[in-house]
Structure formats: C-alpha cells, structure tokens
Amino acid sequence: MGWRYWAVGLVMGMIVPAVLSWLGISPVWRFAGLLVIVNGGLAVALGRRIYRRTQPGWWLVIWPLVYLLGSYLFLPQYTWSFAVVYLCLAYLGYGLTETKQAIES
C-alpha cells in the first residue's frame, strides 16, 4: 500500500530533519534550503506522481502527516505549520496535473 510514498515520507519527514538538527545546521539554511525548496518541490512532485499513477487521493496526506510528526520531534515549533503548506502544494500538484491532462485531451 504505497510503500514508496511511506519511505519517502519517513526519510524526508523524520530522518532528514533529525540529521539536520543533530548537525547543527543554522535555522536560515534549514528554512530556505530544506523547508521551502526541497520539501516544497517534493510535495508538488508527489502530488503529480500520485495523479499520474492513478493512486488514491488520500495518499496526498502521507507526506504532510509524516513531516508533521518529524517537525514536532526535531524542529522548532514554527515549522509545524509547513505540514499544511505541503498538503496544499501536493494537492495543487495533483490538481494541476489533472487540469493539464484534460486540456491536452
């Protein structure tokens, strides 16, 4: 049942934040590099992939929920709200892929 999505969610939502906090990377680099660019891009890519492979739409929630748990355990409190942002970006990637394919048909 979507083991690849769970694996990506666990690695990017739990392991990477834990490693970054243990390495002591500055909050600015964590925010700009990881939270905005990498994780935002990952959310859009997962949304597109879930639509293209005709997976259940509820799988869009996997990545944000795992990230929420990882941010709760390893990151500052202000990062918890990014789970909602990633859910919105995943849904946006999902919806835009659907719209693009409908236009091309």
PDB file of N, CA and C in Angstrom:
ATOM      1  N   MET A   1       0.829  -1.181   0.000  1.00  0.00           N
ATOM      2  CA  MET A   1       0.000   0.000   0.000  1.00  0.00           C
ATOM      3  C   MET A   1       0.877   1.249   0.000  1.00  0.00           C
ATOM      4  N   GLY A   2       1.376   1.614  -1.131  1.00  0.00           N
ATOM      5  CA  GLY A   2       2.134   2.842  -1.267  1.00  0.00           C
ATOM      6  C   GLY A   2       3.415   2.889  -0.465  1.00  0.00           C
ATOM      7  N   TRP A   3       4.132   1.789  -0.395  1.00  0.00           N
ATOM      8  CA  TRP A   3       5.330   1.743   0.447  1.00  0.00           C
ATOM      9  C   TRP A   3       6.359   2.773   0.015  1.00  0.00           C
ATOM     10  N   ARG A   4       6.401   3.115  -1.262  1.00  0.00           N
ATOM     11  CA  ARG A   4       7.364   4.126  -1.716  1.00  0.00           C
ATOM     12  C   ARG A   4       7.035   5.499  -1.144  1.00  0.00           C
ATOM     13  N   TYR A   5       5.761   5.838  -1.077  1.00  0.00           N
ATOM     14  CA  TYR A   5       5.348   7.124  -0.518  1.00  0.00           C
ATOM     15  C   TYR A   5       5.648   7.181   0.975  1.00  0.00           C
ATOM     16  N   TRP A   6       5.429   6.057   1.656  1.00  0.00           N
ATOM     17  CA  TRP A   6       5.751   5.995   3.079  1.00  0.00           C
ATOM     18  C   TRP A   6       7.250   6.101   3.292  1.00  0.00           C
ATOM     19  N   ALA A   7       8.042   5.442   2.428  1.00  0.00           N
ATOM     20  CA  ALA A   7       9.513   5.501   2.563  1.00  0.00           C
ATOM     21  C   ALA A   7      10.024   6.917   2.350  1.00  0.00           C
ATOM     22  N   VAL A   8       9.534   7.575   1.305  1.00  0.00           N
ATOM     23  CA  VAL A   8       9.945   8.963   1.053  1.00  0.00           C
ATOM     24  C   VAL A   8       9.511   9.848   2.216  1.00  0.00           C
ATOM     25  N   GLY A   9       8.304   9.643   2.697  1.00  0.00           N
ATOM     26  CA  GLY A   9       7.816  10.426   3.828  1.00  0.00           C
ATOM     27  C   GLY A   9       8.667  10.236   5.072  1.00  0.00           C
ATOM     28  N   LEU A  10       9.033   8.995   5.364  1.00  0.00           N
ATOM     29  CA  LEU A  10       9.857   8.727   6.545  1.00  0.00           C
ATOM     30  C   LEU A  10      11.247   9.330   6.421  1.00  0.00           C
ATOM     31  N   VAL A  11      11.850   9.187   5.244  1.00  0.00           N
ATOM     32  CA  VAL A  11      13.198   9.725   5.064  1.00  0.00           C
ATOM     33  C   VAL A  11      13.185  11.245   5.120  1.00  0.00           C
ATOM     34  N   MET A  12      12.316  11.869   4.329  1.00  0.00           N
ATOM     35  CA  MET A  12      12.315  13.330   4.243  1.00  0.00           C
ATOM     36  C   MET A  12      11.604  13.995   5.429  1.00  0.00           C
ATOM     37  N   GLY A  13      10.686  13.302   6.056  1.00  0.00           N
ATOM     38  CA  GLY A  13       9.943  13.905   7.153  1.00  0.00           C
ATOM     39  C   GLY A  13      10.509  13.632   8.530  1.00  0.00           C
ATOM     40  N   MET A  14      11.245  12.542   8.686  1.00  0.00           N
ATOM     41  CA  MET A  14      11.765  12.191  10.004  1.00  0.00           C
ATOM     42  C   MET A  14      13.294  12.175  10.044  1.00  0.00           C
ATOM     43  N   ILE A  15      13.901  11.466   9.120  1.00  0.00           N
ATOM     44  CA  ILE A  15      15.353  11.269   9.183  1.00  0.00           C
ATOM     45  C   ILE A  15      16.115  12.538   8.832  1.00  0.00           C
ATOM     46  N   VAL A  16      15.744  13.199   7.744  1.00  0.00           N
ATOM     47  CA  VAL A  16      16.464  14.416   7.332  1.00  0.00           C
ATOM     48  C   VAL A  16      16.355  15.526   8.383  1.00  0.00           C
ATOM     49  N   PRO A  17      15.164  15.836   8.927  1.00  0.00           N
ATOM     50  CA  PRO A  17      15.120  16.854   9.993  1.00  0.00           C
ATOM     51  C   PRO A  17      15.940  16.471  11.218  1.00  0.00           C
ATOM     52  N   ALA A  18      15.920  15.186  11.579  1.00  0.00           N
ATOM     53  CA  ALA A  18      16.713  14.750  12.735  1.00  0.00           C
ATOM     54  C   ALA A  18      18.194  14.955  12.481  1.00  0.00           C
ATOM     55  N   VAL A  19      18.661  14.566  11.311  1.00  0.00           N
ATOM     56  CA  VAL A  19      20.085  14.721  10.982  1.00  0.00           C
ATOM     57  C   VAL A  19      20.467  16.194  10.931  1.00  0.00           C
ATOM     58  N   LEU A  20      19.625  17.020  10.328  1.00  0.00           N
ATOM     59  CA  LEU A  20      19.934  18.450  10.239  1.00  0.00           C
ATOM     60  C   LEU A  20      19.984  19.104  11.609  1.00  0.00           C
ATOM     61  N   SER A  21      19.096  18.708  12.506  1.00  0.00           N
ATOM     62  CA  SER A  21      19.139  19.304  13.837  1.00  0.00           C
ATOM     63  C   SER A  21      20.337  18.786  14.635  1.00  0.00           C
ATOM     64  N   TRP A  22      20.720  17.539  14.452  1.00  0.00           N
ATOM     65  CA  TRP A  22      21.886  16.999  15.152  1.00  0.00           C
ATOM     66  C   TRP A  22      23.187  17.573  14.622  1.00  0.00           C
ATOM     67  N   LEU A  23      23.217  17.907  13.319  1.00  0.00           N
ATOM     68  CA  LEU A  23      24.421  18.503  12.742  1.00  0.00           C
ATOM     69  C   LEU A  23      24.564  19.968  13.118  1.00  0.00           C
ATOM     70  N   GLY A  24      23.503  20.570  13.576  1.00  0.00           N
ATOM     71  CA  GLY A  24      23.563  21.967  13.995  1.00  0.00           C
ATOM     72  C   GLY A  24      23.574  22.947  12.833  1.00  0.00           C
ATOM     73  N   ILE A  25      22.936  22.592  11.745  1.00  0.00           N
ATOM     74  CA  ILE A  25      22.838  23.500  10.595  1.00  0.00           C
ATOM     75  C   ILE A  25      21.992  24.694  11.010  1.00  0.00           C
ATOM     76  N   SER A  26      22.388  25.867  10.581  1.00  0.00           N
ATOM     77  CA  SER A  26      21.714  27.092  11.014  1.00  0.00           C
ATOM     78  C   SER A  26      20.245  27.099  10.591  1.00  0.00           C
ATOM     79  N   PRO A  27      19.406  27.740  11.372  1.00  0.00           N
ATOM     80  CA  PRO A  27      17.976  27.792  11.055  1.00  0.00           C
ATOM     81  C   PRO A  27      17.681  28.433   9.700  1.00  0.00           C
ATOM     82  N   VAL A  28      18.504  29.371   9.286  1.00  0.00           N
ATOM     83  CA  VAL A  28      18.280  30.029   7.986  1.00  0.00           C
ATOM     84  C   VAL A  28      18.435  29.018   6.853  1.00  0.00           C
ATOM     85  N   TRP A  29      19.478  28.207   6.892  1.00  0.00           N
ATOM     86  CA  TRP A  29      19.695  27.199   5.848  1.00  0.00           C
ATOM     87  C   TRP A  29      18.639  26.111   5.912  1.00  0.00           C
ATOM     88  N   ARG A  30      18.248  25.730   7.117  1.00  0.00           N
ATOM     89  CA  ARG A  30      17.185  24.734   7.247  1.00  0.00           C
ATOM     90  C   ARG A  30      15.887  25.255   6.654  1.00  0.00           C
ATOM     91  N   PHE A  31      15.574  26.505   6.952  1.00  0.00           N
ATOM     92  CA  PHE A  31      14.328  27.080   6.456  1.00  0.00           C
ATOM     93  C   PHE A  31      14.353  27.227   4.940  1.00  0.00           C
ATOM     94  N   ALA A  32      15.390  27.886   4.423  1.00  0.00           N
ATOM     95  CA  ALA A  32      15.443  28.165   2.985  1.00  0.00           C
ATOM     96  C   ALA A  32      15.704  26.912   2.168  1.00  0.00           C
ATOM     97  N   GLY A  33      16.703  26.160   2.559  1.00  0.00           N
ATOM     98  CA  GLY A  33      17.096  25.015   1.750  1.00  0.00           C
ATOM     99  C   GLY A  33      16.170  23.829   1.871  1.00  0.00           C
ATOM    100  N   LEU A  34      15.887  23.440   3.077  1.00  0.00           N
ATOM    101  CA  LEU A  34      15.106  22.223   3.275  1.00  0.00           C
ATOM    102  C   LEU A  34      13.606  22.484   3.214  1.00  0.00           C
ATOM    103  N   LEU A  35      13.117  23.393   4.034  1.00  0.00           N
ATOM    104  CA  LEU A  35      11.675  23.556   4.171  1.00  0.00           C
ATOM    105  C   LEU A  35      11.016  24.166   2.947  1.00  0.00           C
ATOM    106  N   VAL A  36      11.641  25.133   2.344  1.00  0.00           N
ATOM    107  CA  VAL A  36      10.995  25.820   1.225  1.00  0.00           C
ATOM    108  C   VAL A  36      11.288  25.133  -0.102  1.00  0.00           C
ATOM    109  N   ILE A  37      12.548  24.969  -0.435  1.00  0.00           N
ATOM    110  CA  ILE A  37      12.907  24.480  -1.764  1.00  0.00           C
ATOM    111  C   ILE A  37      12.734  22.966  -1.896  1.00  0.00           C
ATOM    112  N   VAL A  38      13.403  22.207  -1.061  1.00  0.00           N
ATOM    113  CA  VAL A  38      13.397  20.751  -1.203  1.00  0.00           C
ATOM    114  C   VAL A  38      12.041  20.158  -0.857  1.00  0.00           C
ATOM    115  N   ASN A  39      11.527  20.455   0.319  1.00  0.00           N
ATOM    116  CA  ASN A  39      10.261  19.858   0.732  1.00  0.00           C
ATOM    117  C   ASN A  39       9.075  20.385  -0.073  1.00  0.00           C
ATOM    118  N   GLY A  40       9.105  21.653  -0.444  1.00  0.00           N
ATOM    119  CA  GLY A  40       8.038  22.190  -1.293  1.00  0.00           C
ATOM    120  C   GLY A  40       8.021  21.524  -2.655  1.00  0.00           C
ATOM    121  N   GLY A  41       9.196  21.359  -3.247  1.00  0.00           N
ATOM    122  CA  GLY A  41       9.299  20.654  -4.526  1.00  0.00           C
ATOM    123  C   GLY A  41       8.881  19.203  -4.409  1.00  0.00           C
ATOM    124  N   LEU A  42       9.240  18.576  -3.302  1.00  0.00           N
ATOM    125  CA  LEU A  42       8.845  17.188  -3.068  1.00  0.00           C
ATOM    126  C   LEU A  42       7.329  17.058  -2.973  1.00  0.00           C
ATOM    127  N   ALA A  43       6.685  17.984  -2.311  1.00  0.00           N
ATOM    128  CA  ALA A  43       5.231  17.936  -2.173  1.00  0.00           C
ATOM    129  C   ALA A  43       4.548  18.032  -3.536  1.00  0.00           C
ATOM    130  N   VAL A  44       5.005  18.947  -4.373  1.00  0.00           N
ATOM    131  CA  VAL A  44       4.422  19.086  -5.715  1.00  0.00           C
ATOM    132  C   VAL A  44       4.690  17.837  -6.543  1.00  0.00           C
ATOM    133  N   ALA A  45       5.922  17.323  -6.492  1.00  0.00           N
ATOM    134  CA  ALA A  45       6.277  16.133  -7.264  1.00  0.00           C
ATOM    135  C   ALA A  45       5.464  14.916  -6.826  1.00  0.00           C
ATOM    136  N   LEU A  46       5.258  14.754  -5.533  1.00  0.00           N
ATOM    137  CA  LEU A  46       4.452  13.630  -5.058  1.00  0.00           C
ATOM    138  C   LEU A  46       2.998  13.762  -5.493  1.00  0.00           C
ATOM    139  N   GLY A  47       2.461  14.974  -5.466  1.00  0.00           N
ATOM    140  CA  GLY A  47       1.094  15.183  -5.935  1.00  0.00           C
ATOM    141  C   GLY A  47       0.935  14.822  -7.400  1.00  0.00           C
ATOM    142  N   ARG A  48       1.892  15.229  -8.209  1.00  0.00           N
ATOM    143  CA  ARG A  48       1.846  14.899  -9.639  1.00  0.00           C
ATOM    144  C   ARG A  48       1.979  13.395  -9.864  1.00  0.00           C
ATOM    145  N   ARG A  49       2.883  12.789  -9.120  1.00  0.00           N
ATOM    146  CA  ARG A  49       3.122  11.345  -9.287  1.00  0.00           C
ATOM    147  C   ARG A  49       1.899  10.528  -8.854  1.00  0.00           C
ATOM    148  N   ILE A  50       1.274  10.928  -7.771  1.00  0.00           N
ATOM    149  CA  ILE A  50       0.094  10.210  -7.301  1.00  0.00           C
ATOM    150  C   ILE A  50      -1.017  10.285  -8.344  1.00  0.00           C
ATOM    151  N   TYR A  51      -1.193  11.438  -8.973  1.00  0.00           N
ATOM    152  CA  TYR A  51      -2.232  11.553 -10.003  1.00  0.00           C
ATOM    153  C   TYR A  51      -1.879  10.723 -11.231  1.00  0.00           C
ATOM    154  N   ARG A  52      -0.656  10.825 -11.687  1.00  0.00           N
ATOM    155  CA  ARG A  52      -0.262  10.118 -12.920  1.00  0.00           C
ATOM    156  C   ARG A  52      -0.334   8.607 -12.772  1.00  0.00           C
ATOM    157  N   ARG A  53      -0.088   8.111 -11.586  1.00  0.00           N
ATOM    158  CA  ARG A  53      -0.141   6.661 -11.363  1.00  0.00           C
ATOM    159  C   ARG A  53      -1.508   6.206 -10.870  1.00  0.00           C
ATOM    160  N   THR A  54      -2.473   7.098 -10.933  1.00  0.00           N
ATOM    161  CA  THR A  54      -3.855   6.850 -10.504  1.00  0.00           C
ATOM    162  C   THR A  54      -3.926   6.173  -9.129  1.00  0.00           C
ATOM    163  N   GLN A  55      -3.195   6.731  -8.200  1.00  0.00           N
ATOM    164  CA  GLN A  55      -3.224   6.259  -6.821  1.00  0.00           C
ATOM    165  C   GLN A  55      -4.371   6.955  -6.093  1.00  0.00           C
ATOM    166  N   PRO A  56      -4.808   6.399  -4.976  1.00  0.00           N
ATOM    167  CA  PRO A  56      -5.890   7.052  -4.212  1.00  0.00           C
ATOM    168  C   PRO A  56      -5.490   8.459  -3.771  1.00  0.00           C
ATOM    169  N   GLY A  57      -6.426   9.376  -3.831  1.00  0.00           N
ATOM    170  CA  GLY A  57      -6.147  10.764  -3.487  1.00  0.00           C
ATOM    171  C   GLY A  57      -5.751  10.984  -2.034  1.00  0.00           C
ATOM    172  N   TRP A  58      -6.170  10.097  -1.145  1.00  0.00           N
ATOM    173  CA  TRP A  58      -5.820  10.272   0.267  1.00  0.00           C
ATOM    174  C   TRP A  58      -4.326  10.076   0.497  1.00  0.00           C
ATOM    175  N   TRP A  59      -3.608   9.497  -0.456  1.00  0.00           N
ATOM    176  CA  TRP A  59      -2.161   9.345  -0.314  1.00  0.00           C
ATOM    177  C   TRP A  59      -1.453  10.691  -0.294  1.00  0.00           C
ATOM    178  N   LEU A  60      -2.134  11.746  -0.715  1.00  0.00           N
ATOM    179  CA  LEU A  60      -1.561  13.090  -0.643  1.00  0.00           C
ATOM    180  C   LEU A  60      -1.283  13.498   0.810  1.00  0.00           C
ATOM    181  N   VAL A  61      -1.944  12.857   1.744  1.00  0.00           N
ATOM    182  CA  VAL A  61      -1.828  13.211   3.155  1.00  0.00           C
ATOM    183  C   VAL A  61      -0.616  12.543   3.818  1.00  0.00           C
ATOM    184  N   ILE A  62      -0.083  11.493   3.207  1.00  0.00           N
ATOM    185  CA  ILE A  62       1.011  10.730   3.830  1.00  0.00           C
ATOM    186  C   ILE A  62       2.197  11.629   4.137  1.00  0.00           C
ATOM    187  N   TRP A  63       2.718  12.308   3.133  1.00  0.00           N
ATOM    188  CA  TRP A  63       3.914  13.134   3.313  1.00  0.00           C
ATOM    189  C   TRP A  63       3.710  14.235   4.350  1.00  0.00           C
ATOM    190  N   PRO A  64       2.634  15.036   4.281  1.00  0.00           N
ATOM    191  CA  PRO A  64       2.469  16.083   5.298  1.00  0.00           C
ATOM    192  C   PRO A  64       2.323  15.550   6.723  1.00  0.00           C
ATOM    193  N   LEU A  65       1.641  14.419   6.897  1.00  0.00           N
ATOM    194  CA  LEU A  65       1.489  13.875   8.247  1.00  0.00           C
ATOM    195  C   LEU A  65       2.808  13.375   8.822  1.00  0.00           C
ATOM    196  N   VAL A  66       3.603  12.702   8.004  1.00  0.00           N
ATOM    197  CA  VAL A  66       4.902  12.231   8.482  1.00  0.00           C
ATOM    198  C   VAL A  66       5.814  13.424   8.768  1.00  0.00           C
ATOM    199  N   TYR A  67       5.746  14.443   7.904  1.00  0.00           N
ATOM    200  CA  TYR A  67       6.534  15.658   8.158  1.00  0.00           C
ATOM    201  C   TYR A  67       6.102  16.314   9.471  1.00  0.00           C
ATOM    202  N   LEU A  68       4.801  16.374   9.713  1.00  0.00           N
ATOM    203  CA  LEU A  68       4.305  16.984  10.943  1.00  0.00           C
ATOM    204  C   LEU A  68       4.866  16.273  12.175  1.00  0.00           C
ATOM    205  N   LEU A  69       4.881  14.969  12.131  1.00  0.00           N
ATOM    206  CA  LEU A  69       5.447  14.210  13.248  1.00  0.00           C
ATOM    207  C   LEU A  69       6.944  14.481  13.391  1.00  0.00           C
ATOM    208  N   GLY A  70       7.672  14.491  12.268  1.00  0.00           N
ATOM    209  CA  GLY A  70       9.105  14.771  12.317  1.00  0.00           C
ATOM    210  C   GLY A  70       9.414  16.179  12.789  1.00  0.00           C
ATOM    211  N   SER A  71       8.625  17.143  12.352  1.00  0.00           N
ATOM    212  CA  SER A  71       8.875  18.516  12.789  1.00  0.00           C
ATOM    213  C   SER A  71       8.523  18.696  14.262  1.00  0.00           C
ATOM    214  N   TYR A  72       7.521  17.977  14.716  1.00  0.00           N
ATOM    215  CA  TYR A  72       7.164  18.031  16.132  1.00  0.00           C
ATOM    216  C   TYR A  72       8.297  17.487  17.002  1.00  0.00           C
ATOM    217  N   LEU A  73       8.960  16.443  16.524  1.00  0.00           N
ATOM    218  CA  LEU A  73      10.017  15.811  17.301  1.00  0.00           C
ATOM    219  C   LEU A  73      11.370  16.513  17.194  1.00  0.00           C
ATOM    220  N   PHE A  74      11.699  17.070  16.011  1.00  0.00           N
ATOM    221  CA  PHE A  74      13.067  17.514  15.770  1.00  0.00           C
ATOM    222  C   PHE A  74      13.245  18.978  15.401  1.00  0.00           C
ATOM    223  N   LEU A  75      12.200  19.660  15.015  1.00  0.00           N
ATOM    224  CA  LEU A  75      12.340  21.028  14.517  1.00  0.00           C
ATOM    225  C   LEU A  75      11.619  22.011  15.432  1.00  0.00           C
ATOM    226  N   PRO A  76      11.903  23.308  15.284  1.00  0.00           N
ATOM    227  CA  PRO A  76      11.206  24.315  16.105  1.00  0.00           C
ATOM    228  C   PRO A  76       9.699  24.332  15.841  1.00  0.00           C
ATOM    229  N   GLN A  77       8.978  24.883  16.783  1.00  0.00           N
ATOM    230  CA  GLN A  77       7.522  24.872  16.727  1.00  0.00           C
ATOM    231  C   GLN A  77       6.965  25.600  15.502  1.00  0.00           C
ATOM    232  N   TYR A  78       7.644  26.643  15.031  1.00  0.00           N
ATOM    233  CA  TYR A  78       7.113  27.384  13.887  1.00  0.00           C
ATOM    234  C   TYR A  78       7.086  26.557  12.612  1.00  0.00           C
ATOM    235  N   THR A  79       7.799  25.460  12.559  1.00  0.00           N
ATOM    236  CA  THR A  79       7.836  24.634  11.342  1.00  0.00           C
ATOM    237  C   THR A  79       6.639  23.701  11.227  1.00  0.00           C
ATOM    238  N   TRP A  80       5.854  23.552  12.279  1.00  0.00           N
ATOM    239  CA  TRP A  80       4.699  22.659  12.232  1.00  0.00           C
ATOM    240  C   TRP A  80       3.702  23.092  11.173  1.00  0.00           C
ATOM    241  N   SER A  81       3.565  24.379  10.974  1.00  0.00           N
ATOM    242  CA  SER A  81       2.588  24.879  10.005  1.00  0.00           C
ATOM    243  C   SER A  81       2.949  24.517   8.568  1.00  0.00           C
ATOM    244  N   PHE A  82       4.194  24.149   8.331  1.00  0.00           N
ATOM    245  CA  PHE A  82       4.586  23.756   6.983  1.00  0.00           C
ATOM    246  C   PHE A  82       3.875  22.476   6.546  1.00  0.00           C
ATOM    247  N   ALA A  83       3.387  21.675   7.458  1.00  0.00           N
ATOM    248  CA  ALA A  83       2.636  20.474   7.086  1.00  0.00           C
ATOM    249  C   ALA A  83       1.399  20.851   6.275  1.00  0.00           C
ATOM    250  N   VAL A  84       0.735  21.930   6.670  1.00  0.00           N
ATOM    251  CA  VAL A  84      -0.432  22.406   5.927  1.00  0.00           C
ATOM    252  C   VAL A  84      -0.004  22.927   4.558  1.00  0.00           C
ATOM    253  N   VAL A  85       1.118  23.636   4.517  1.00  0.00           N
ATOM    254  CA  VAL A  85       1.638  24.157   3.248  1.00  0.00           C
ATOM    255  C   VAL A  85       1.956  23.005   2.308  1.00  0.00           C
ATOM    256  N   TYR A  86       2.596  21.949   2.820  1.00  0.00           N
ATOM    257  CA  TYR A  86       2.945  20.806   1.969  1.00  0.00           C
ATOM    258  C   TYR A  86       1.709  20.063   1.493  1.00  0.00           C
ATOM    259  N   LEU A  87       0.685  19.984   2.322  1.00  0.00           N
ATOM    260  CA  LEU A  87      -0.566  19.371   1.886  1.00  0.00           C
ATOM    261  C   LEU A  87      -1.185  20.182   0.750  1.00  0.00           C
ATOM    262  N   CYS A  88      -1.172  21.498   0.889  1.00  0.00           N
ATOM    263  CA  CYS A  88      -1.717  22.360  -0.166  1.00  0.00           C
ATOM    264  C   CYS A  88      -0.907  22.241  -1.454  1.00  0.00           C
ATOM    265  N   LEU A  89       0.421  22.199  -1.339  1.00  0.00           N
ATOM    266  CA  LEU A  89       1.259  22.061  -2.528  1.00  0.00           C
ATOM    267  C   LEU A  89       1.067  20.711  -3.207  1.00  0.00           C
ATOM    268  N   ALA A  90       0.925  19.651  -2.423  1.00  0.00           N
ATOM    269  CA  ALA A  90       0.689  18.324  -3.001  1.00  0.00           C
ATOM    270  C   ALA A  90      -0.654  18.302  -3.727  1.00  0.00           C
ATOM    271  N   TYR A  91      -1.662  18.882  -3.114  1.00  0.00           N
ATOM    272  CA  TYR A  91      -2.975  18.936  -3.752  1.00  0.00           C
ATOM    273  C   TYR A  91      -2.924  19.804  -5.009  1.00  0.00           C
ATOM    274  N   LEU A  92      -2.170  20.886  -4.957  1.00  0.00           N
ATOM    275  CA  LEU A  92      -2.009  21.748  -6.125  1.00  0.00           C
ATOM    276  C   LEU A  92      -1.324  21.000  -7.263  1.00  0.00           C
ATOM    277  N   GLY A  93      -0.262  20.263  -6.955  1.00  0.00           N
ATOM    278  CA  GLY A  93       0.412  19.453  -7.975  1.00  0.00           C
ATOM    279  C   GLY A  93      -0.516  18.398  -8.542  1.00  0.00           C
ATOM    280  N   TYR A  94      -1.322  17.801  -7.704  1.00  0.00           N
ATOM    281  CA  TYR A  94      -2.301  16.799  -8.118  1.00  0.00           C
ATOM    282  C   TYR A  94      -3.348  17.420  -9.042  1.00  0.00           C
ATOM    283  N   GLY A  95      -3.894  18.549  -8.621  1.00  0.00           N
ATOM    284  CA  GLY A  95      -4.947  19.206  -9.391  1.00  0.00           C
ATOM    285  C   GLY A  95      -4.464  19.801 -10.691  1.00  0.00           C
ATOM    286  N   LEU A  96      -3.275  20.391 -10.690  1.00  0.00           N
ATOM    287  CA  LEU A  96      -2.757  20.982 -11.922  1.00  0.00           C
ATOM    288  C   LEU A  96      -2.410  19.921 -12.947  1.00  0.00           C
ATOM    289  N   THR A  97      -1.974  18.763 -12.498  1.00  0.00           N
ATOM    290  CA  THR A  97      -1.704  17.675 -13.429  1.00  0.00           C
ATOM    291  C   THR A  97      -2.992  17.215 -14.067  1.00  0.00           C
ATOM    292  N   GLU A  98      -4.056  17.131 -13.286  1.00  0.00           N
ATOM    293  CA  GLU A  98      -5.355  16.736 -13.811  1.00  0.00           C
ATOM    294  C   GLU A  98      -5.845  17.748 -14.840  1.00  0.00           C
ATOM    295  N   THR A  99      -5.712  19.029 -14.542  1.00  0.00           N
ATOM    296  CA  THR A  99      -6.158  20.080 -15.447  1.00  0.00           C
ATOM    297  C   THR A  99      -5.340  20.074 -16.735  1.00  0.00           C
ATOM    298  N   LYS A 100      -4.040  19.913 -16.628  1.00  0.00           N
ATOM    299  CA  LYS A 100      -3.166  19.901 -17.802  1.00  0.00           C
ATOM    300  C   LYS A 100      -3.514  18.736 -18.717  1.00  0.00           C
ATOM    301  N   GLN A 101      -3.766  17.568 -18.152  1.00  0.00           N
ATOM    302  CA  GLN A 101      -4.098  16.412 -18.979  1.00  0.00           C
ATOM    303  C   GLN A 101      -5.475  16.558 -19.614  1.00  0.00           C
ATOM    304  N   ALA A 102      -6.407  17.226 -18.944  1.00  0.00           N
ATOM    305  CA  ALA A 102      -7.728  17.459 -19.516  1.00  0.00           C
ATOM    306  C   ALA A 102      -7.643  18.426 -20.695  1.00  0.00           C
ATOM    307  N   ILE A 103      -6.785  19.421 -20.589  1.00  0.00           N
ATOM    308  CA  ILE A 103      -6.616  20.393 -21.678  1.00  0.00           C
ATOM    309  C   ILE A 103      -5.964  19.745 -22.882  1.00  0.00           C
ATOM    310  N   GLU A 104      -4.989  18.876 -22.636  1.00  0.00           N
ATOM    311  CA  GLU A 104      -4.277  18.222 -23.736  1.00  0.00           C
ATOM    312  C   GLU A 104      -5.138  17.200 -24.458  1.00  0.00           C
ATOM    313  N   SER A 105      -6.192  16.712 -23.814  1.00  0.00           N
ATOM    314  CA  SER A 105      -7.025  15.666 -24.435  1.00  0.00           C
ATOM    315  C   SER A 105      -7.949  16.214 -25.487  1.00  0.00           C
TER     316      SER A 105
END
